[in-house]
């Protein structure tokens, strides 16, 4: 009985809950993310199946990349009649993913593309972060000092 009371209290405090106990205030899912770097860029990819590209918000502030969006629930009640879900495991709702980068990022050159449910974000490194080849010069031959 205590568990039922606690669940009822949470429903009133947190807002609507779904069958899994998630509330409107909680992120419903976290898309999978990969990040790597090349000599010139950092690349971030997120799997966003079922998400419309125009519904994704990407921001970069204080060397932190943040991606926000929403995947809509695909199970909808018919206009007439009753809907009974007997199996549902696909997550839906809002999401937020943040990733912090080193200071050497050129924030003005960030680009993003969306293809086949995969969001790819390219963050260029600043010139200070790019590797440099240092030339070695031959030392001068020692000079004899007369005297």
N, C-alpha and C. Protein backbone atom coordinates (compact mmCIF):
# COMPACT_ATOMS: atom_id res chain seq x y z
N UNK A 1 0.82 -1.20 0.00
CA UNK A 1 0.00 0.00 0.00
C UNK A 1 0.86 1.26 0.00
N UNK A 2 1.99 1.19 0.68
CA UNK A 2 2.88 2.34 0.71
C UNK A 2 3.37 2.67 -0.69
N UNK A 3 3.67 1.65 -1.49
CA UNK A 3 4.15 1.86 -2.84
C UNK A 3 3.11 2.55 -3.70
N UNK A 4 1.86 2.15 -3.59
CA UNK A 4 0.78 2.78 -4.34
C UNK A 4 0.63 4.24 -3.93
N UNK A 5 0.68 4.51 -2.64
CA UNK A 5 0.58 5.89 -2.17
C UNK A 5 1.73 6.73 -2.69
N UNK A 6 2.94 6.18 -2.67
CA UNK A 6 4.11 6.90 -3.16
C UNK A 6 3.96 7.20 -4.66
N UNK A 7 3.48 6.23 -5.42
CA UNK A 7 3.28 6.43 -6.86
C UNK A 7 2.24 7.51 -7.12
N UNK A 8 1.17 7.52 -6.34
CA UNK A 8 0.14 8.54 -6.51
C UNK A 8 0.70 9.93 -6.17
N UNK A 9 1.48 10.00 -5.09
CA UNK A 9 2.10 11.27 -4.72
C UNK A 9 3.01 11.78 -5.83
N UNK A 10 3.83 10.90 -6.39
CA UNK A 10 4.74 11.30 -7.46
C UNK A 10 3.97 11.76 -8.69
N UNK A 11 2.87 11.12 -9.00
CA UNK A 11 2.08 11.52 -10.17
C UNK A 11 1.57 12.94 -10.01
N UNK A 12 1.15 13.31 -8.79
CA UNK A 12 0.63 14.65 -8.58
C UNK A 12 1.76 15.68 -8.52
N UNK A 13 2.90 15.30 -7.96
CA UNK A 13 4.03 16.23 -7.85
C UNK A 13 4.70 16.43 -9.20
N UNK A 14 4.93 15.35 -9.93
CA UNK A 14 5.72 15.40 -11.16
C UNK A 14 4.89 15.60 -12.43
N UNK A 15 3.61 15.48 -12.37
CA UNK A 15 2.81 15.60 -13.58
C UNK A 15 2.39 14.24 -14.08
N UNK A 16 2.06 14.18 -15.36
CA UNK A 16 1.58 12.94 -15.95
C UNK A 16 2.68 11.88 -16.00
N UNK A 17 2.30 10.63 -15.78
CA UNK A 17 3.24 9.53 -15.93
C UNK A 17 2.70 8.56 -16.96
N UNK A 18 3.62 7.88 -17.66
CA UNK A 18 3.18 6.86 -18.60
C UNK A 18 3.19 5.49 -17.92
N UNK A 19 2.96 4.44 -18.68
CA UNK A 19 2.87 3.10 -18.12
C UNK A 19 4.19 2.63 -17.50
N UNK A 20 5.30 3.22 -17.90
CA UNK A 20 6.60 2.85 -17.34
C UNK A 20 6.99 3.71 -16.15
N UNK A 21 6.10 4.62 -15.73
CA UNK A 21 6.39 5.47 -14.59
C UNK A 21 7.18 6.71 -14.93
N UNK A 22 7.39 6.97 -16.23
CA UNK A 22 8.13 8.18 -16.63
C UNK A 22 7.20 9.38 -16.53
N UNK A 23 7.77 10.51 -16.15
CA UNK A 23 6.97 11.72 -16.06
C UNK A 23 7.32 12.66 -17.20
N UNK A 24 6.49 13.67 -17.37
CA UNK A 24 6.74 14.68 -18.39
C UNK A 24 8.06 15.41 -18.14
N UNK A 25 8.48 15.50 -16.89
CA UNK A 25 9.68 16.26 -16.54
C UNK A 25 10.96 15.48 -16.80
N UNK A 26 10.88 14.17 -16.95
CA UNK A 26 12.08 13.36 -17.15
C UNK A 26 12.36 13.16 -18.63
N UNK A 27 13.64 13.16 -19.02
CA UNK A 27 13.95 12.79 -20.40
C UNK A 27 13.54 11.33 -20.59
N UNK A 28 12.84 11.05 -21.67
CA UNK A 28 12.32 9.72 -21.89
C UNK A 28 13.37 8.77 -22.45
N UNK A 29 14.33 9.29 -23.17
CA UNK A 29 15.32 8.42 -23.78
C UNK A 29 16.59 9.19 -24.08
N UNK A 30 17.68 8.48 -24.22
CA UNK A 30 18.96 9.08 -24.59
C UNK A 30 19.45 8.40 -25.86
N UNK A 31 19.53 9.16 -26.94
CA UNK A 31 20.04 8.55 -28.17
C UNK A 31 21.51 8.16 -28.00
N UNK A 32 21.89 7.09 -28.68
CA UNK A 32 23.28 6.64 -28.62
C UNK A 32 24.17 7.65 -29.34
N UNK A 33 25.38 7.83 -28.82
CA UNK A 33 26.28 8.86 -29.32
C UNK A 33 27.68 8.28 -29.47
N UNK A 34 28.35 8.61 -30.57
CA UNK A 34 29.77 8.32 -30.78
C UNK A 34 30.47 9.64 -31.04
N UNK A 35 31.70 9.78 -30.55
CA UNK A 35 32.49 10.99 -30.81
C UNK A 35 33.94 10.58 -31.01
N UNK A 36 34.59 11.21 -32.00
CA UNK A 36 36.00 10.93 -32.27
C UNK A 36 36.63 12.18 -32.85
N UNK A 37 37.95 12.14 -33.00
CA UNK A 37 38.64 13.30 -33.55
C UNK A 37 39.58 12.88 -34.67
N UNK A 38 39.74 13.80 -35.61
CA UNK A 38 40.73 13.68 -36.67
C UNK A 38 41.75 14.79 -36.43
N UNK A 39 42.70 14.96 -37.34
CA UNK A 39 43.66 16.05 -37.16
C UNK A 39 42.99 17.41 -37.20
N UNK A 40 41.92 17.53 -37.98
CA UNK A 40 41.29 18.84 -38.19
C UNK A 40 39.99 19.05 -37.41
N UNK A 41 39.27 17.97 -37.08
CA UNK A 41 37.92 18.12 -36.53
C UNK A 41 37.64 17.13 -35.41
N UNK A 42 36.58 17.48 -34.64
CA UNK A 42 35.90 16.52 -33.79
C UNK A 42 34.63 16.15 -34.52
N UNK A 43 34.25 14.89 -34.49
CA UNK A 43 33.02 14.45 -35.14
C UNK A 43 32.16 13.77 -34.10
N UNK A 44 30.88 14.12 -34.08
CA UNK A 44 29.91 13.53 -33.16
C UNK A 44 28.76 12.99 -34.00
N UNK A 45 28.35 11.76 -33.72
CA UNK A 45 27.19 11.18 -34.40
C UNK A 45 26.20 10.68 -33.36
N UNK A 46 24.92 10.97 -33.60
CA UNK A 46 23.85 10.49 -32.75
C UNK A 46 22.85 9.72 -33.60
N UNK A 47 22.40 8.58 -33.10
CA UNK A 47 21.34 7.83 -33.75
C UNK A 47 20.00 8.42 -33.33
N UNK A 48 19.26 8.95 -34.31
CA UNK A 48 17.98 9.60 -34.03
C UNK A 48 16.87 9.04 -34.92
N UNK A 49 16.63 7.73 -34.90
CA UNK A 49 15.56 7.20 -35.75
C UNK A 49 14.20 7.72 -35.31
N UNK A 50 13.39 8.08 -36.28
CA UNK A 50 12.06 8.57 -35.98
C UNK A 50 12.00 10.02 -35.56
N UNK A 51 13.13 10.71 -35.57
CA UNK A 51 13.17 12.13 -35.19
C UNK A 51 13.26 12.95 -36.47
N UNK A 52 12.46 14.00 -36.54
CA UNK A 52 12.51 14.90 -37.69
C UNK A 52 13.67 15.87 -37.49
N UNK A 53 14.48 16.05 -38.54
CA UNK A 53 15.65 16.92 -38.44
C UNK A 53 15.34 18.33 -38.01
N UNK A 54 14.21 18.87 -38.48
CA UNK A 54 13.87 20.25 -38.11
C UNK A 54 13.46 20.37 -36.65
N UNK A 55 13.22 19.26 -35.98
CA UNK A 55 12.86 19.29 -34.57
C UNK A 55 14.04 19.13 -33.64
N UNK A 56 15.26 19.13 -34.19
CA UNK A 56 16.47 18.97 -33.38
C UNK A 56 17.13 20.34 -33.19
N UNK A 57 17.52 20.64 -31.97
CA UNK A 57 18.18 21.91 -31.65
C UNK A 57 19.62 21.61 -31.23
N UNK A 58 20.57 22.24 -31.91
CA UNK A 58 21.99 22.06 -31.60
C UNK A 58 22.55 23.40 -31.15
N UNK A 59 23.22 23.41 -30.00
CA UNK A 59 23.85 24.64 -29.52
C UNK A 59 25.27 24.33 -29.05
N UNK A 60 26.10 25.36 -29.06
CA UNK A 60 27.49 25.24 -28.60
C UNK A 60 27.80 26.46 -27.76
N UNK A 61 28.02 26.22 -26.47
CA UNK A 61 28.29 27.33 -25.55
C UNK A 61 29.29 26.87 -24.50
N UNK A 62 30.31 27.69 -24.26
CA UNK A 62 31.36 27.40 -23.29
C UNK A 62 31.98 26.02 -23.53
N UNK A 63 32.30 25.77 -24.79
CA UNK A 63 32.94 24.52 -25.22
C UNK A 63 32.09 23.27 -24.96
N UNK A 64 30.79 23.45 -24.82
CA UNK A 64 29.89 22.32 -24.63
C UNK A 64 28.88 22.27 -25.76
N UNK A 65 28.83 21.14 -26.43
CA UNK A 65 27.86 20.89 -27.48
C UNK A 65 26.63 20.27 -26.83
N UNK A 66 25.45 20.82 -27.12
CA UNK A 66 24.21 20.29 -26.59
C UNK A 66 23.25 20.03 -27.74
N UNK A 67 22.69 18.84 -27.76
CA UNK A 67 21.70 18.45 -28.77
C UNK A 67 20.41 18.11 -28.04
N UNK A 68 19.32 18.77 -28.46
CA UNK A 68 18.00 18.54 -27.86
C UNK A 68 17.01 18.19 -28.96
N UNK A 69 16.03 17.41 -28.61
CA UNK A 69 15.00 17.09 -29.59
C UNK A 69 13.91 16.25 -28.97
N UNK A 70 13.06 15.74 -29.84
CA UNK A 70 11.93 14.94 -29.38
C UNK A 70 11.57 13.91 -30.43
N UNK A 71 11.28 12.72 -29.96
CA UNK A 71 10.72 11.68 -30.82
C UNK A 71 9.29 11.47 -30.36
N UNK A 72 8.37 11.63 -31.31
CA UNK A 72 6.95 11.52 -30.97
C UNK A 72 6.54 10.07 -30.78
N UNK A 73 5.57 9.90 -29.96
CA UNK A 73 5.00 8.57 -29.74
C UNK A 73 4.24 8.16 -30.99
N UNK A 74 4.48 6.96 -31.46
CA UNK A 74 3.84 6.51 -32.70
C UNK A 74 2.54 5.76 -32.44
N UNK A 75 2.33 5.28 -31.24
CA UNK A 75 1.08 4.59 -30.92
C UNK A 75 0.05 5.64 -30.57
N UNK A 76 -1.01 5.68 -31.36
CA UNK A 76 -2.05 6.69 -31.16
C UNK A 76 -3.41 6.00 -31.04
N UNK A 77 -4.22 6.52 -30.17
CA UNK A 77 -5.57 5.97 -30.01
C UNK A 77 -6.41 6.33 -31.23
N UNK A 78 -7.23 5.39 -31.70
CA UNK A 78 -8.11 5.70 -32.83
C UNK A 78 -9.19 6.70 -32.40
N UNK A 79 -9.79 7.35 -33.40
CA UNK A 79 -10.85 8.31 -33.08
C UNK A 79 -12.03 7.63 -32.40
N UNK A 80 -12.34 6.43 -32.86
CA UNK A 80 -13.43 5.67 -32.25
C UNK A 80 -12.88 4.34 -31.78
N UNK A 81 -13.43 3.86 -30.73
CA UNK A 81 -13.00 2.56 -30.24
C UNK A 81 -11.93 2.68 -29.18
N UNK A 82 -11.34 1.55 -28.91
CA UNK A 82 -10.39 1.46 -27.81
C UNK A 82 -9.04 0.98 -28.33
N UNK A 83 -8.01 1.44 -27.71
CA UNK A 83 -6.65 1.02 -28.06
C UNK A 83 -6.06 0.27 -26.87
N UNK A 84 -5.59 -0.94 -27.12
CA UNK A 84 -4.93 -1.72 -26.07
C UNK A 84 -3.55 -2.11 -26.58
N UNK A 85 -2.55 -1.55 -25.97
CA UNK A 85 -1.17 -1.87 -26.36
C UNK A 85 -0.78 -3.15 -25.63
N UNK A 86 -0.34 -4.16 -26.37
CA UNK A 86 0.08 -5.39 -25.72
C UNK A 86 1.59 -5.54 -25.68
N UNK A 87 2.31 -4.70 -26.41
CA UNK A 87 3.78 -4.73 -26.34
C UNK A 87 4.31 -3.41 -26.87
N UNK A 88 5.14 -2.74 -26.10
CA UNK A 88 5.74 -1.47 -26.54
C UNK A 88 7.07 -1.30 -25.82
N UNK A 89 8.15 -1.18 -26.60
CA UNK A 89 9.45 -0.96 -25.97
C UNK A 89 10.24 0.16 -26.60
N UNK A 90 9.71 0.79 -27.64
CA UNK A 90 10.43 1.91 -28.25
C UNK A 90 10.21 3.16 -27.42
N UNK A 91 11.32 3.80 -27.06
CA UNK A 91 11.24 5.01 -26.25
C UNK A 91 10.78 6.19 -27.09
N UNK A 92 10.19 7.16 -26.44
CA UNK A 92 9.71 8.36 -27.10
C UNK A 92 9.80 9.50 -26.09
N UNK A 93 9.68 10.69 -26.59
CA UNK A 93 9.71 11.86 -25.72
C UNK A 93 10.92 12.74 -26.02
N UNK A 94 11.23 13.60 -25.09
CA UNK A 94 12.32 14.56 -25.28
C UNK A 94 13.65 13.94 -24.87
N UNK A 95 14.73 14.50 -25.42
CA UNK A 95 16.06 14.07 -25.04
C UNK A 95 16.99 15.28 -25.04
N UNK A 96 18.06 15.17 -24.28
CA UNK A 96 19.15 16.15 -24.26
C UNK A 96 20.45 15.39 -24.08
N UNK A 97 21.41 15.67 -24.95
CA UNK A 97 22.76 15.10 -24.83
C UNK A 97 23.74 16.26 -24.87
N UNK A 98 24.71 16.26 -23.96
CA UNK A 98 25.74 17.31 -23.91
C UNK A 98 27.11 16.65 -23.88
N UNK A 99 28.05 17.31 -24.54
CA UNK A 99 29.41 16.80 -24.63
C UNK A 99 30.37 17.98 -24.55
N UNK A 100 31.30 17.93 -23.60
CA UNK A 100 32.26 19.03 -23.41
C UNK A 100 33.53 18.76 -24.21
N UNK A 101 34.05 19.83 -24.82
CA UNK A 101 35.25 19.75 -25.65
C UNK A 101 36.38 20.55 -25.03
N UNK A 102 37.63 20.27 -25.45
CA UNK A 102 38.75 21.09 -24.98
C UNK A 102 38.58 22.54 -25.46
N UNK A 103 39.43 23.41 -24.98
CA UNK A 103 39.32 24.82 -25.34
C UNK A 103 39.64 25.10 -26.79
N UNK A 104 40.34 24.22 -27.45
CA UNK A 104 40.80 24.49 -28.80
C UNK A 104 39.78 24.07 -29.86
N UNK A 105 38.64 24.73 -29.85
CA UNK A 105 37.57 24.43 -30.80
C UNK A 105 37.17 25.71 -31.50
N UNK A 106 36.99 25.63 -32.82
CA UNK A 106 36.53 26.78 -33.59
C UNK A 106 35.01 26.71 -33.68
N UNK A 107 34.33 27.28 -32.70
CA UNK A 107 32.88 27.18 -32.60
C UNK A 107 32.12 27.76 -33.77
N UNK A 108 32.70 28.73 -34.47
CA UNK A 108 32.00 29.37 -35.59
C UNK A 108 31.86 28.46 -36.80
N UNK A 109 32.69 27.45 -36.92
CA UNK A 109 32.68 26.60 -38.11
C UNK A 109 31.92 25.29 -37.94
N UNK A 110 31.11 25.15 -36.91
CA UNK A 110 30.39 23.90 -36.67
C UNK A 110 29.35 23.68 -37.76
N UNK A 111 29.27 22.44 -38.25
CA UNK A 111 28.26 22.09 -39.25
C UNK A 111 27.58 20.79 -38.83
N UNK A 112 26.36 20.59 -39.33
CA UNK A 112 25.59 19.39 -39.00
C UNK A 112 24.84 18.91 -40.22
N UNK A 113 24.72 17.58 -40.33
CA UNK A 113 23.93 16.98 -41.40
C UNK A 113 23.13 15.83 -40.81
N UNK A 114 22.01 15.52 -41.46
CA UNK A 114 21.10 14.49 -40.97
C UNK A 114 20.79 13.56 -42.13
N UNK A 115 21.16 12.29 -41.99
CA UNK A 115 20.96 11.34 -43.08
C UNK A 115 20.57 9.98 -42.51
N UNK A 116 19.45 9.45 -42.98
CA UNK A 116 18.98 8.11 -42.60
C UNK A 116 18.91 7.93 -41.08
N UNK A 117 18.44 8.96 -40.38
CA UNK A 117 18.28 8.86 -38.94
C UNK A 117 19.55 9.05 -38.13
N UNK A 118 20.65 9.44 -38.79
CA UNK A 118 21.91 9.68 -38.08
C UNK A 118 22.28 11.15 -38.22
N UNK A 119 22.44 11.82 -37.09
CA UNK A 119 22.87 13.21 -37.05
C UNK A 119 24.39 13.23 -36.91
N UNK A 120 25.07 13.90 -37.84
CA UNK A 120 26.52 14.04 -37.80
C UNK A 120 26.86 15.51 -37.60
N UNK A 121 27.65 15.79 -36.57
CA UNK A 121 28.07 17.16 -36.26
C UNK A 121 29.59 17.21 -36.37
N UNK A 122 30.08 18.18 -37.12
CA UNK A 122 31.52 18.35 -37.32
C UNK A 122 31.93 19.66 -36.64
N UNK A 123 32.86 19.55 -35.68
CA UNK A 123 33.34 20.69 -34.93
C UNK A 123 34.81 20.89 -35.26
N UNK A 124 35.16 21.95 -35.99
CA UNK A 124 36.56 22.15 -36.36
C UNK A 124 37.43 22.50 -35.16
N UNK A 125 38.64 22.00 -35.18
CA UNK A 125 39.61 22.38 -34.15
C UNK A 125 40.17 23.75 -34.51
N UNK A 126 40.54 24.51 -33.50
CA UNK A 126 41.20 25.79 -33.76
C UNK A 126 42.61 25.50 -34.25
N UNK A 127 43.23 26.49 -34.85
CA UNK A 127 44.59 26.32 -35.36
C UNK A 127 45.55 25.92 -34.25
N UNK A 128 45.32 26.41 -33.03
CA UNK A 128 46.22 26.09 -31.91
C UNK A 128 46.18 24.61 -31.56
N UNK A 129 45.08 23.92 -31.88
CA UNK A 129 44.94 22.51 -31.52
C UNK A 129 45.43 21.56 -32.60
N UNK A 130 45.64 22.07 -33.80
CA UNK A 130 46.05 21.19 -34.90
C UNK A 130 47.53 20.83 -34.77
N UNK A 131 47.87 19.60 -35.12
CA UNK A 131 49.28 19.21 -35.02
C UNK A 131 50.15 19.99 -36.00
N UNK A 132 51.37 20.25 -35.60
CA UNK A 132 52.31 20.97 -36.45
C UNK A 132 53.55 20.12 -36.65
N UNK A 133 54.13 20.27 -37.80
CA UNK A 133 55.41 19.61 -38.06
C UNK A 133 56.50 20.65 -37.80
N UNK A 134 57.43 20.30 -36.97
CA UNK A 134 58.52 21.20 -36.60
C UNK A 134 59.74 20.80 -37.42
N UNK A 135 60.25 21.75 -38.16
CA UNK A 135 61.46 21.51 -38.96
C UNK A 135 62.69 21.60 -38.08
N UNK A 136 63.59 20.69 -38.30
CA UNK A 136 64.86 20.71 -37.58
C UNK A 136 65.90 21.29 -38.52
N UNK A 137 66.57 22.30 -38.05
CA UNK A 137 67.62 22.91 -38.87
C UNK A 137 68.98 22.40 -38.40
N UNK A 138 69.88 22.34 -39.33
CA UNK A 138 71.23 21.88 -39.01
C UNK A 138 71.93 22.95 -38.18
N UNK A 139 72.62 22.49 -37.19
CA UNK A 139 73.37 23.43 -36.35
C UNK A 139 74.60 23.90 -37.12
N UNK A 140 74.99 25.12 -36.86
CA UNK A 140 76.18 25.66 -37.52
C UNK A 140 77.42 24.96 -36.96
N UNK A 141 78.40 24.81 -37.80
CA UNK A 141 79.66 24.20 -37.35
C UNK A 141 80.30 25.12 -36.32
N UNK A 142 80.93 24.55 -35.31
CA UNK A 142 81.57 25.40 -34.31
C UNK A 142 82.68 26.24 -34.94
N UNK A 143 82.75 27.46 -34.51
CA UNK A 143 83.77 28.38 -35.03
C UNK A 143 84.96 28.39 -34.07
N UNK A 144 86.13 28.47 -34.66
CA UNK A 144 87.33 28.56 -33.82
C UNK A 144 87.55 30.02 -33.45
N UNK A 145 87.88 30.19 -32.25
CA UNK A 145 88.15 31.53 -31.76
C UNK A 145 89.67 31.68 -31.64
N UNK A 146 90.19 32.70 -32.30
CA UNK A 146 91.64 32.95 -32.21
C UNK A 146 91.91 33.82 -31.00
N UNK A 147 92.99 33.53 -30.43
CA UNK A 147 93.27 34.43 -29.38
C UNK A 147 94.17 34.09 -28.37
